[in-house]
Amino acid sequence: MFVDTPYQHIALDENNVPVITGTSMKVVELVLNQKAYGWSPQELQFQHPYLSMGQIYSALAYYADHQEELHEDIERRLEKGDELASQWDSSSLDKRLRSKGLIE
């Protein structure tokens, strides 16, 4: 179930996370692409051809109006990633790759 927002192409999913309507892409994912690579809206559309320019500009407008809460979401995601990475036992993977000569 999605809840409409005042932004034409943005809805909130069941977890209250803003997504681009008609897709499974979260607004935060598009924004992270823009920030990480310095992509213009046109480049974002080139990289994500299933998104219309209207969807992209709507997502960027939503971000501009909700930066604080989206930054908090990004921080939570980074912390969760760090937590999962710290739990990862790479030693068994390393051993398997080394035994196959795929890493030194």
PDB file of N, CA and C in Angstrom:
ATOM      1  N   MET A   1       0.838  -1.180   0.000  1.00  0.00           N
ATOM      2  CA  MET A   1       0.000   0.000   0.000  1.00  0.00           C
ATOM      3  C   MET A   1       0.883   1.243   0.000  1.00  0.00           C
ATOM      4  N   PHE A   2       0.512   2.202  -0.817  1.00  0.00           N
ATOM      5  CA  PHE A   2       1.251   3.446  -0.905  1.00  0.00           C
ATOM      6  C   PHE A   2       0.346   4.608  -0.527  1.00  0.00           C
ATOM      7  N   VAL A   3       0.933   5.643   0.061  1.00  0.00           N
ATOM      8  CA  VAL A   3       0.213   6.853   0.423  1.00  0.00           C
ATOM      9  C   VAL A   3       0.716   7.971  -0.488  1.00  0.00           C
ATOM     10  N   ASP A   4      -0.219   8.660  -1.150  1.00  0.00           N
ATOM     11  CA  ASP A   4       0.162   9.762  -2.023  1.00  0.00           C
ATOM     12  C   ASP A   4       0.780  10.902  -1.218  1.00  0.00           C
ATOM     13  N   THR A   5       1.631  11.649  -1.884  1.00  0.00           N
ATOM     14  CA  THR A   5       2.247  12.837  -1.302  1.00  0.00           C
ATOM     15  C   THR A   5       1.911  14.016  -2.211  1.00  0.00           C
ATOM     16  N   PRO A   6       2.225  15.241  -1.800  1.00  0.00           N
ATOM     17  CA  PRO A   6       1.999  16.384  -2.691  1.00  0.00           C
ATOM     18  C   PRO A   6       2.921  16.370  -3.915  1.00  0.00           C
ATOM     19  N   TYR A   7       3.851  15.455  -3.970  1.00  0.00           N
ATOM     20  CA  TYR A   7       4.783  15.359  -5.087  1.00  0.00           C
ATOM     21  C   TYR A   7       4.204  14.353  -6.076  1.00  0.00           C
ATOM     22  N   GLN A   8       3.998  14.787  -7.308  1.00  0.00           N
ATOM     23  CA  GLN A   8       3.269  13.992  -8.288  1.00  0.00           C
ATOM     24  C   GLN A   8       3.804  12.572  -8.451  1.00  0.00           C
ATOM     25  N   HIS A   9       5.091  12.379  -8.422  1.00  0.00           N
ATOM     26  CA  HIS A   9       5.674  11.073  -8.709  1.00  0.00           C
ATOM     27  C   HIS A   9       6.245  10.370  -7.473  1.00  0.00           C
ATOM     28  N   ILE A  10       5.881  10.825  -6.292  1.00  0.00           N
ATOM     29  CA  ILE A  10       6.435  10.252  -5.062  1.00  0.00           C
ATOM     30  C   ILE A  10       5.293   9.747  -4.178  1.00  0.00           C
ATOM     31  N   ALA A  11       5.479   8.542  -3.655  1.00  0.00           N
ATOM     32  CA  ALA A  11       4.530   7.965  -2.700  1.00  0.00           C
ATOM     33  C   ALA A  11       5.322   7.411  -1.526  1.00  0.00           C
ATOM     34  N   LEU A  12       4.653   7.231  -0.407  1.00  0.00           N
ATOM     35  CA  LEU A  12       5.273   6.622   0.770  1.00  0.00           C
ATOM     36  C   LEU A  12       4.833   5.169   0.834  1.00  0.00           C
ATOM     37  N   ASP A  13       5.794   4.253   0.993  1.00  0.00           N
ATOM     38  CA  ASP A  13       5.444   2.836   1.079  1.00  0.00           C
ATOM     39  C   ASP A  13       4.944   2.497   2.479  1.00  0.00           C
ATOM     40  N   GLU A  14       4.702   1.213   2.717  1.00  0.00           N
ATOM     41  CA  GLU A  14       4.143   0.787   4.007  1.00  0.00           C
ATOM     42  C   GLU A  14       5.060   1.091   5.194  1.00  0.00           C
ATOM     43  N   ASN A  15       6.342   1.338   4.915  1.00  0.00           N
ATOM     44  CA  ASN A  15       7.302   1.705   5.973  1.00  0.00           C
ATOM     45  C   ASN A  15       7.526   3.211   6.040  1.00  0.00           C
ATOM     46  N   ASN A  16       6.689   3.957   5.326  1.00  0.00           N
ATOM     47  CA  ASN A  16       6.779   5.419   5.280  1.00  0.00           C
ATOM     48  C   ASN A  16       8.051   5.899   4.582  1.00  0.00           C
ATOM     49  N   VAL A  17       8.574   5.085   3.669  1.00  0.00           N
ATOM     50  CA  VAL A  17       9.773   5.436   2.901  1.00  0.00           C
ATOM     51  C   VAL A  17       9.327   5.994   1.549  1.00  0.00           C
ATOM     52  N   PRO A  18       9.829   7.172   1.156  1.00  0.00           N
ATOM     53  CA  PRO A  18       9.428   7.735  -0.126  1.00  0.00           C
ATOM     54  C   PRO A  18      10.038   6.957  -1.301  1.00  0.00           C
ATOM     55  N   VAL A  19       9.165   6.562  -2.231  1.00  0.00           N
ATOM     56  CA  VAL A  19       9.586   5.845  -3.426  1.00  0.00           C
ATOM     57  C   VAL A  19       9.055   6.572  -4.657  1.00  0.00           C
ATOM     58  N   ILE A  20       9.701   6.333  -5.773  1.00  0.00           N
ATOM     59  CA  ILE A  20       9.262   6.903  -7.034  1.00  0.00           C
ATOM     60  C   ILE A  20       8.137   6.018  -7.563  1.00  0.00           C
ATOM     61  N   THR A  21       6.959   6.605  -7.756  1.00  0.00           N
ATOM     62  CA  THR A  21       5.789   5.828  -8.145  1.00  0.00           C
ATOM     63  C   THR A  21       6.042   5.080  -9.453  1.00  0.00           C
ATOM     64  N   GLY A  22       5.490   3.874  -9.500  1.00  0.00           N
ATOM     65  CA  GLY A  22       5.642   3.037 -10.683  1.00  0.00           C
ATOM     66  C   GLY A  22       6.958   2.290 -10.714  1.00  0.00           C
ATOM     67  N   THR A  23       7.772   2.459  -9.674  1.00  0.00           N
ATOM     68  CA  THR A  23       9.071   1.783  -9.598  1.00  0.00           C
ATOM     69  C   THR A  23       9.260   1.266  -8.175  1.00  0.00           C
ATOM     70  N   SER A  24      10.338   0.559  -7.977  1.00  0.00           N
ATOM     71  CA  SER A  24      10.702   0.154  -6.616  1.00  0.00           C
ATOM     72  C   SER A  24      11.843   1.017  -6.078  1.00  0.00           C
ATOM     73  N   MET A  25      12.219   2.066  -6.841  1.00  0.00           N
ATOM     74  CA  MET A  25      13.351   2.901  -6.440  1.00  0.00           C
ATOM     75  C   MET A  25      12.945   3.885  -5.350  1.00  0.00           C
ATOM     76  N   LYS A  26      13.723   3.869  -4.284  1.00  0.00           N
ATOM     77  CA  LYS A  26      13.532   4.816  -3.197  1.00  0.00           C
ATOM     78  C   LYS A  26      14.168   6.154  -3.583  1.00  0.00           C
ATOM     79  N   VAL A  27      13.553   7.230  -3.127  1.00  0.00           N
ATOM     80  CA  VAL A  27      14.097   8.566  -3.392  1.00  0.00           C
ATOM     81  C   VAL A  27      15.539   8.642  -2.916  1.00  0.00           C
ATOM     82  N   VAL A  28      15.813   8.081  -1.746  1.00  0.00           N
ATOM     83  CA  VAL A  28      17.159   8.139  -1.178  1.00  0.00           C
ATOM     84  C   VAL A  28      18.178   7.451  -2.104  1.00  0.00           C
ATOM     85  N   GLU A  29      17.778   6.403  -2.808  1.00  0.00           N
ATOM     86  CA  GLU A  29      18.703   5.719  -3.720  1.00  0.00           C
ATOM     87  C   GLU A  29      19.082   6.621  -4.895  1.00  0.00           C
ATOM     88  N   LEU A  30      18.100   7.325  -5.446  1.00  0.00           N
ATOM     89  CA  LEU A  30      18.387   8.231  -6.555  1.00  0.00           C
ATOM     90  C   LEU A  30      19.285   9.375  -6.087  1.00  0.00           C
ATOM     91  N   VAL A  31      18.983   9.904  -4.914  1.00  0.00           N
ATOM     92  CA  VAL A  31      19.784  11.007  -4.368  1.00  0.00           C
ATOM     93  C   VAL A  31      21.216  10.554  -4.105  1.00  0.00           C
ATOM     94  N   LEU A  32      21.376   9.351  -3.564  1.00  0.00           N
ATOM     95  CA  LEU A  32      22.734   8.847  -3.324  1.00  0.00           C
ATOM     96  C   LEU A  32      23.497   8.699  -4.636  1.00  0.00           C
ATOM     97  N   ASN A  33      22.822   8.268  -5.704  1.00  0.00           N
ATOM     98  CA  ASN A  33      23.473   8.211  -7.020  1.00  0.00           C
ATOM     99  C   ASN A  33      23.934   9.599  -7.441  1.00  0.00           C
ATOM    100  N   GLN A  34      23.078  10.575  -7.268  1.00  0.00           N
ATOM    101  CA  GLN A  34      23.430  11.931  -7.660  1.00  0.00           C
ATOM    102  C   GLN A  34      24.608  12.450  -6.848  1.00  0.00           C
ATOM    103  N   LYS A  35      24.567  12.234  -5.546  1.00  0.00           N
ATOM    104  CA  LYS A  35      25.635  12.732  -4.673  1.00  0.00           C
ATOM    105  C   LYS A  35      26.951  11.986  -4.910  1.00  0.00           C
ATOM    106  N   ALA A  36      26.888  10.678  -5.044  1.00  0.00           N
ATOM    107  CA  ALA A  36      28.110   9.877  -5.186  1.00  0.00           C
ATOM    108  C   ALA A  36      28.833  10.159  -6.498  1.00  0.00           C
ATOM    109  N   TYR A  37      28.067  10.337  -7.567  1.00  0.00           N
ATOM    110  CA  TYR A  37      28.678  10.473  -8.889  1.00  0.00           C
ATOM    111  C   TYR A  37      28.617  11.888  -9.446  1.00  0.00           C
ATOM    112  N   GLY A  38      27.927  12.786  -8.756  1.00  0.00           N
ATOM    113  CA  GLY A  38      27.809  14.153  -9.249  1.00  0.00           C
ATOM    114  C   GLY A  38      26.962  14.254 -10.506  1.00  0.00           C
ATOM    115  N   TRP A  39      26.008  13.343 -10.657  1.00  0.00           N
ATOM    116  CA  TRP A  39      25.206  13.296 -11.876  1.00  0.00           C
ATOM    117  C   TRP A  39      24.154  14.393 -11.912  1.00  0.00           C
ATOM    118  N   SER A  40      23.995  14.964 -13.081  1.00  0.00           N
ATOM    119  CA  SER A  40      22.916  15.916 -13.341  1.00  0.00           C
ATOM    120  C   SER A  40      21.606  15.135 -13.478  1.00  0.00           C
ATOM    121  N   PRO A  41      20.464  15.820 -13.449  1.00  0.00           N
ATOM    122  CA  PRO A  41      19.202  15.110 -13.690  1.00  0.00           C
ATOM    123  C   PRO A  41      19.195  14.368 -15.028  1.00  0.00           C
ATOM    124  N   GLN A  42      19.804  14.953 -16.041  1.00  0.00           N
ATOM    125  CA  GLN A  42      19.864  14.301 -17.353  1.00  0.00           C
ATOM    126  C   GLN A  42      20.697  13.019 -17.290  1.00  0.00           C
ATOM    127  N   GLU A  43      21.807  13.068 -16.556  1.00  0.00           N
ATOM    128  CA  GLU A  43      22.643  11.873 -16.414  1.00  0.00           C
ATOM    129  C   GLU A  43      21.924  10.816 -15.581  1.00  0.00           C
ATOM    130  N   LEU A  44      21.194  11.242 -14.561  1.00  0.00           N
ATOM    131  CA  LEU A  44      20.398  10.289 -13.787  1.00  0.00           C
ATOM    132  C   LEU A  44      19.404   9.565 -14.704  1.00  0.00           C
ATOM    133  N   GLN A  45      18.784  10.315 -15.617  1.00  0.00           N
ATOM    134  CA  GLN A  45      17.824   9.706 -16.529  1.00  0.00           C
ATOM    135  C   GLN A  45      18.527   8.761 -17.503  1.00  0.00           C
ATOM    136  N   PHE A  46      19.716   9.120 -17.941  1.00  0.00           N
ATOM    137  CA  PHE A  46      20.490   8.243 -18.825  1.00  0.00           C
ATOM    138  C   PHE A  46      20.842   6.946 -18.102  1.00  0.00           C
ATOM    139  N   GLN A  47      21.224   7.051 -16.838  1.00  0.00           N
ATOM    140  CA  GLN A  47      21.611   5.879 -16.057  1.00  0.00           C
ATOM    141  C   GLN A  47      20.406   5.046 -15.624  1.00  0.00           C
ATOM    142  N   HIS A  48      19.255   5.677 -15.531  1.00  0.00           N
ATOM    143  CA  HIS A  48      18.016   5.007 -15.113  1.00  0.00           C
ATOM    144  C   HIS A  48      16.940   5.310 -16.157  1.00  0.00           C
ATOM    145  N   PRO A  49      17.047   4.723 -17.345  1.00  0.00           N
ATOM    146  CA  PRO A  49      16.133   5.089 -18.446  1.00  0.00           C
ATOM    147  C   PRO A  49      14.663   4.763 -18.185  1.00  0.00           C
ATOM    148  N   TYR A  50      14.369   3.964 -17.191  1.00  0.00           N
ATOM    149  CA  TYR A  50      12.985   3.654 -16.846  1.00  0.00           C
ATOM    150  C   TYR A  50      12.328   4.785 -16.066  1.00  0.00           C
ATOM    151  N   LEU A  51      13.121   5.795 -15.654  1.00  0.00           N
ATOM    152  CA  LEU A  51      12.588   6.959 -14.953  1.00  0.00           C
ATOM    153  C   LEU A  51      12.378   8.103 -15.933  1.00  0.00           C
ATOM    154  N   SER A  52      11.255   8.787 -15.796  1.00  0.00           N
ATOM    155  CA  SER A  52      11.022   9.975 -16.609  1.00  0.00           C
ATOM    156  C   SER A  52      11.716  11.170 -15.940  1.00  0.00           C
ATOM    157  N   MET A  53      11.900  12.218 -16.703  1.00  0.00           N
ATOM    158  CA  MET A  53      12.491  13.426 -16.118  1.00  0.00           C
ATOM    159  C   MET A  53      11.569  13.978 -15.036  1.00  0.00           C
ATOM    160  N   GLY A  54      10.260  13.845 -15.222  1.00  0.00           N
ATOM    161  CA  GLY A  54       9.324  14.288 -14.197  1.00  0.00           C
ATOM    162  C   GLY A  54       9.524  13.537 -12.890  1.00  0.00           C
ATOM    163  N   GLN A  55       9.733  12.224 -12.985  1.00  0.00           N
ATOM    164  CA  GLN A  55       9.970  11.431 -11.783  1.00  0.00           C
ATOM    165  C   GLN A  55      11.259  11.860 -11.099  1.00  0.00           C
ATOM    166  N   ILE A  56      12.290  12.101 -11.883  1.00  0.00           N
ATOM    167  CA  ILE A  56      13.587  12.504 -11.324  1.00  0.00           C
ATOM    168  C   ILE A  56      13.486  13.858 -10.638  1.00  0.00           C
ATOM    169  N   TYR A  57      12.897  14.848 -11.319  1.00  0.00           N
ATOM    170  CA  TYR A  57      12.779  16.174 -10.717  1.00  0.00           C
ATOM    171  C   TYR A  57      11.879  16.145  -9.487  1.00  0.00           C
ATOM    172  N   SER A  58      10.839  15.324  -9.513  1.00  0.00           N
ATOM    173  CA  SER A  58       9.964  15.212  -8.347  1.00  0.00           C
ATOM    174  C   SER A  58      10.727  14.618  -7.163  1.00  0.00           C
ATOM    175  N   ALA A  59      11.547  13.589  -7.425  1.00  0.00           N
ATOM    176  CA  ALA A  59      12.351  12.981  -6.366  1.00  0.00           C
ATOM    177  C   ALA A  59      13.357  13.988  -5.809  1.00  0.00           C
ATOM    178  N   LEU A  60      13.984  14.753  -6.679  1.00  0.00           N
ATOM    179  CA  LEU A  60      14.956  15.752  -6.219  1.00  0.00           C
ATOM    180  C   LEU A  60      14.262  16.868  -5.434  1.00  0.00           C
ATOM    181  N   ALA A  61      13.050  17.248  -5.842  1.00  0.00           N
ATOM    182  CA  ALA A  61      12.292  18.254  -5.108  1.00  0.00           C
ATOM    183  C   ALA A  61      11.910  17.714  -3.732  1.00  0.00           C
ATOM    184  N   TYR A  62      11.485  16.454  -3.685  1.00  0.00           N
ATOM    185  CA  TYR A  62      11.141  15.838  -2.401  1.00  0.00           C
ATOM    186  C   TYR A  62      12.365  15.858  -1.494  1.00  0.00           C
ATOM    187  N   TYR A  63      13.510  15.494  -2.036  1.00  0.00           N
ATOM    188  CA  TYR A  63      14.747  15.503  -1.257  1.00  0.00           C
ATOM    189  C   TYR A  63      15.063  16.913  -0.748  1.00  0.00           C
ATOM    190  N   ALA A  64      14.926  17.911  -1.610  1.00  0.00           N
ATOM    191  CA  ALA A  64      15.239  19.283  -1.217  1.00  0.00           C
ATOM    192  C   ALA A  64      14.364  19.736  -0.050  1.00  0.00           C
ATOM    193  N   ASP A  65      13.123  19.265  -0.019  1.00  0.00           N
ATOM    194  CA  ASP A  65      12.195  19.664   1.032  1.00  0.00           C
ATOM    195  C   ASP A  65      12.277  18.788   2.278  1.00  0.00           C
ATOM    196  N   HIS A  66      12.972  17.646   2.194  1.00  0.00           N
ATOM    197  CA  HIS A  66      13.017  16.690   3.314  1.00  0.00           C
ATOM    198  C   HIS A  66      14.443  16.212   3.599  1.00  0.00           C
ATOM    199  N   GLN A  67      15.405  17.097   3.406  1.00  0.00           N
ATOM    200  CA  GLN A  67      16.808  16.700   3.534  1.00  0.00           C
ATOM    201  C   GLN A  67      17.137  16.117   4.903  1.00  0.00           C
ATOM    202  N   GLU A  68      16.684  16.736   5.960  1.00  0.00           N
ATOM    203  CA  GLU A  68      17.063  16.284   7.299  1.00  0.00           C
ATOM    204  C   GLU A  68      16.618  14.837   7.536  1.00  0.00           C
ATOM    205  N   GLU A  69      15.372  14.530   7.250  1.00  0.00           N
ATOM    206  CA  GLU A  69      14.900  13.165   7.497  1.00  0.00           C
ATOM    207  C   GLU A  69      15.537  12.154   6.542  1.00  0.00           C
ATOM    208  N   LEU A  70      15.826  12.563   5.314  1.00  0.00           N
ATOM    209  CA  LEU A  70      16.492  11.636   4.395  1.00  0.00           C
ATOM    210  C   LEU A  70      17.949  11.427   4.787  1.00  0.00           C
ATOM    211  N   HIS A  71      18.588  12.456   5.309  1.00  0.00           N
ATOM    212  CA  HIS A  71      19.969  12.288   5.797  1.00  0.00           C
ATOM    213  C   HIS A  71      19.992  11.329   6.987  1.00  0.00           C
ATOM    214  N   GLU A  72      18.983  11.417   7.845  1.00  0.00           N
ATOM    215  CA  GLU A  72      18.886  10.469   8.956  1.00  0.00           C
ATOM    216  C   GLU A  72      18.708   9.047   8.438  1.00  0.00           C
ATOM    217  N   ASP A  73      17.902   8.893   7.383  1.00  0.00           N
ATOM    218  CA  ASP A  73      17.701   7.572   6.775  1.00  0.00           C
ATOM    219  C   ASP A  73      19.016   7.045   6.199  1.00  0.00           C
ATOM    220  N   ILE A  74      19.767   7.909   5.537  1.00  0.00           N
ATOM    221  CA  ILE A  74      21.063   7.510   4.970  1.00  0.00           C
ATOM    222  C   ILE A  74      22.000   7.065   6.094  1.00  0.00           C
ATOM    223  N   GLU A  75      22.040   7.821   7.189  1.00  0.00           N
ATOM    224  CA  GLU A  75      22.899   7.455   8.324  1.00  0.00           C
ATOM    225  C   GLU A  75      22.512   6.091   8.887  1.00  0.00           C
ATOM    226  N   ARG A  76      21.205   5.839   9.019  1.00  0.00           N
ATOM    227  CA  ARG A  76      20.743   4.528   9.513  1.00  0.00           C
ATOM    228  C   ARG A  76      21.193   3.415   8.581  1.00  0.00           C
ATOM    229  N   ARG A  77      21.084   3.657   7.280  1.00  0.00           N
ATOM    230  CA  ARG A  77      21.488   2.647   6.296  1.00  0.00           C
ATOM    231  C   ARG A  77      22.989   2.382   6.371  1.00  0.00           C
ATOM    232  N   LEU A  78      23.775   3.451   6.523  1.00  0.00           N
ATOM    233  CA  LEU A  78      25.229   3.281   6.632  1.00  0.00           C
ATOM    234  C   LEU A  78      25.595   2.510   7.893  1.00  0.00           C
ATOM    235  N   GLU A  79      24.947   2.843   8.996  1.00  0.00           N
ATOM    236  CA  GLU A  79      25.216   2.137  10.253  1.00  0.00           C
ATOM    237  C   GLU A  79      24.853   0.652  10.123  1.00  0.00           C
ATOM    238  N   LYS A  80      23.735   0.355   9.491  1.00  0.00           N
ATOM    239  CA  LYS A  80      23.318  -1.035   9.298  1.00  0.00           C
ATOM    240  C   LYS A  80      24.332  -1.763   8.411  1.00  0.00           C
ATOM    241  N   GLY A  81      24.802  -1.093   7.363  1.00  0.00           N
ATOM    242  CA  GLY A  81      25.816  -1.690   6.502  1.00  0.00           C
ATOM    243  C   GLY A  81      27.098  -1.975   7.248  1.00  0.00           C
ATOM    244  N   ASP A  82      27.521  -1.029   8.085  1.00  0.00           N
ATOM    245  CA  ASP A  82      28.725  -1.231   8.890  1.00  0.00           C
ATOM    246  C   ASP A  82      28.545  -2.393   9.858  1.00  0.00           C
ATOM    247  N   GLU A  83      27.359  -2.476  10.452  1.00  0.00           N
ATOM    248  CA  GLU A  83      27.063  -3.564  11.392  1.00  0.00           C
ATOM    249  C   GLU A  83      27.128  -4.915  10.683  1.00  0.00           C
ATOM    250  N   LEU A  84      26.519  -4.993   9.513  1.00  0.00           N
ATOM    251  CA  LEU A  84      26.536  -6.252   8.765  1.00  0.00           C
ATOM    252  C   LEU A  84      27.945  -6.606   8.312  1.00  0.00           C
ATOM    253  N   ALA A  85      28.709  -5.605   7.898  1.00  0.00           N
ATOM    254  CA  ALA A  85      30.081  -5.854   7.455  1.00  0.00           C
ATOM    255  C   ALA A  85      30.943  -6.369   8.597  1.00  0.00           C
ATOM    256  N   SER A  86      30.708  -5.859   9.793  1.00  0.00           N
ATOM    257  CA  SER A  86      31.513  -6.305  10.925  1.00  0.00           C
ATOM    258  C   SER A  86      31.180  -7.746  11.327  1.00  0.00           C
ATOM    259  N   GLN A  87      29.996  -8.195  10.971  1.00  0.00           N
ATOM    260  CA  GLN A  87      29.584  -9.561  11.295  1.00  0.00           C
ATOM    261  C   GLN A  87      30.020 -10.571  10.227  1.00  0.00           C
ATOM    262  N   TRP A  88      30.457 -10.075   9.088  1.00  0.00           N
ATOM    263  CA  TRP A  88      30.818 -10.933   7.960  1.00  0.00           C
ATOM    264  C   TRP A  88      32.110 -11.678   8.254  1.00  0.00           C
ATOM    265  N   ASP A  89      32.069 -12.988   8.135  1.00  0.00           N
ATOM    266  CA  ASP A  89      33.261 -13.797   8.333  1.00  0.00           C
ATOM    267  C   ASP A  89      33.889 -14.039   6.965  1.00  0.00           C
ATOM    268  N   SER A  90      34.801 -13.155   6.603  1.00  0.00           N
ATOM    269  CA  SER A  90      35.409 -13.271   5.282  1.00  0.00           C
ATOM    270  C   SER A  90      36.509 -14.322   5.246  1.00  0.00           C
ATOM    271  N   SER A  91      36.911 -14.832   6.386  1.00  0.00           N
ATOM    272  CA  SER A  91      38.035 -15.764   6.396  1.00  0.00           C
ATOM    273  C   SER A  91      37.714 -17.026   5.588  1.00  0.00           C
ATOM    274  N   SER A  92      36.492 -17.556   5.704  1.00  0.00           N
ATOM    275  CA  SER A  92      36.168 -18.758   4.935  1.00  0.00           C
ATOM    276  C   SER A  92      36.113 -18.446   3.448  1.00  0.00           C
ATOM    277  N   LEU A  93      35.609 -17.286   3.091  1.00  0.00           N
ATOM    278  CA  LEU A  93      35.595 -16.886   1.685  1.00  0.00           C
ATOM    279  C   LEU A  93      37.023 -16.709   1.185  1.00  0.00           C
ATOM    280  N   ASP A  94      37.849 -16.034   1.981  1.00  0.00           N
ATOM    281  CA  ASP A  94      39.248 -15.853   1.606  1.00  0.00           C
ATOM    282  C   ASP A  94      39.929 -17.199   1.357  1.00  0.00           C
ATOM    283  N   LYS A  95      39.702 -18.146   2.244  1.00  0.00           N
ATOM    284  CA  LYS A  95      40.327 -19.463   2.099  1.00  0.00           C
ATOM    285  C   LYS A  95      39.893 -20.139   0.808  1.00  0.00           C
ATOM    286  N   ARG A  96      38.615 -20.077   0.510  1.00  0.00           N
ATOM    287  CA  ARG A  96      38.123 -20.706  -0.730  1.00  0.00           C
ATOM    288  C   ARG A  96      38.714 -20.041  -1.958  1.00  0.00           C
ATOM    289  N   LEU A  97      38.764 -18.708  -1.970  1.00  0.00           N
ATOM    290  CA  LEU A  97      39.319 -18.004  -3.123  1.00  0.00           C
ATOM    291  C   LEU A  97      40.815 -18.266  -3.268  1.00  0.00           C
ATOM    292  N   ARG A  98      41.519 -18.296  -2.150  1.00  0.00           N
ATOM    293  CA  ARG A  98      42.954 -18.590  -2.195  1.00  0.00           C
ATOM    294  C   ARG A  98      43.209 -20.011  -2.696  1.00  0.00           C
ATOM    295  N   SER A  99      42.387 -20.968  -2.248  1.00  0.00           N
ATOM    296  CA  SER A  99      42.584 -22.361  -2.671  1.00  0.00           C
ATOM    297  C   SER A  99      42.374 -22.526  -4.175  1.00  0.00           C
ATOM    298  N   LYS A 100      41.581 -21.635  -4.765  1.00  0.00           N
ATOM    299  CA  LYS A 100      41.342 -21.695  -6.210  1.00  0.00           C
ATOM    300  C   LYS A 100      42.299 -20.784  -6.977  1.00  0.00           C
ATOM    301  N   GLY A 101      43.179 -20.125  -6.244  1.00  0.00           N
ATOM    302  CA  GLY A 101      44.164 -19.258  -6.891  1.00  0.00           C
ATOM    303  C   GLY A 101      43.554 -17.967  -7.423  1.00  0.00           C
ATOM    304  N   LEU A 102      42.383 -17.580  -6.913  1.00  0.00           N
ATOM    305  CA  LEU A 102      41.727 -16.398  -7.415  1.00  0.00           C
ATOM    306  C   LEU A 102      42.198 -15.134  -6.727  1.00  0.00           C
ATOM    307  N   ILE A 103      42.768 -15.262  -5.524  1.00  0.00           N
ATOM    308  CA  ILE A 103      43.391 -14.124  -4.847  1.00  0.00           C
ATOM    309  C   ILE A 103      44.694 -14.599  -4.216  1.00  0.00           C
ATOM    310  N   GLU A 104      45.551 -13.639  -3.907  1.00  0.00           N
ATOM    311  CA  GLU A 104      46.821 -13.990  -3.278  1.00  0.00           C
ATOM    312  C   GLU A 104      46.803 -13.694  -1.801  1.00  0.00           C
TER     313      GLU A 104
END
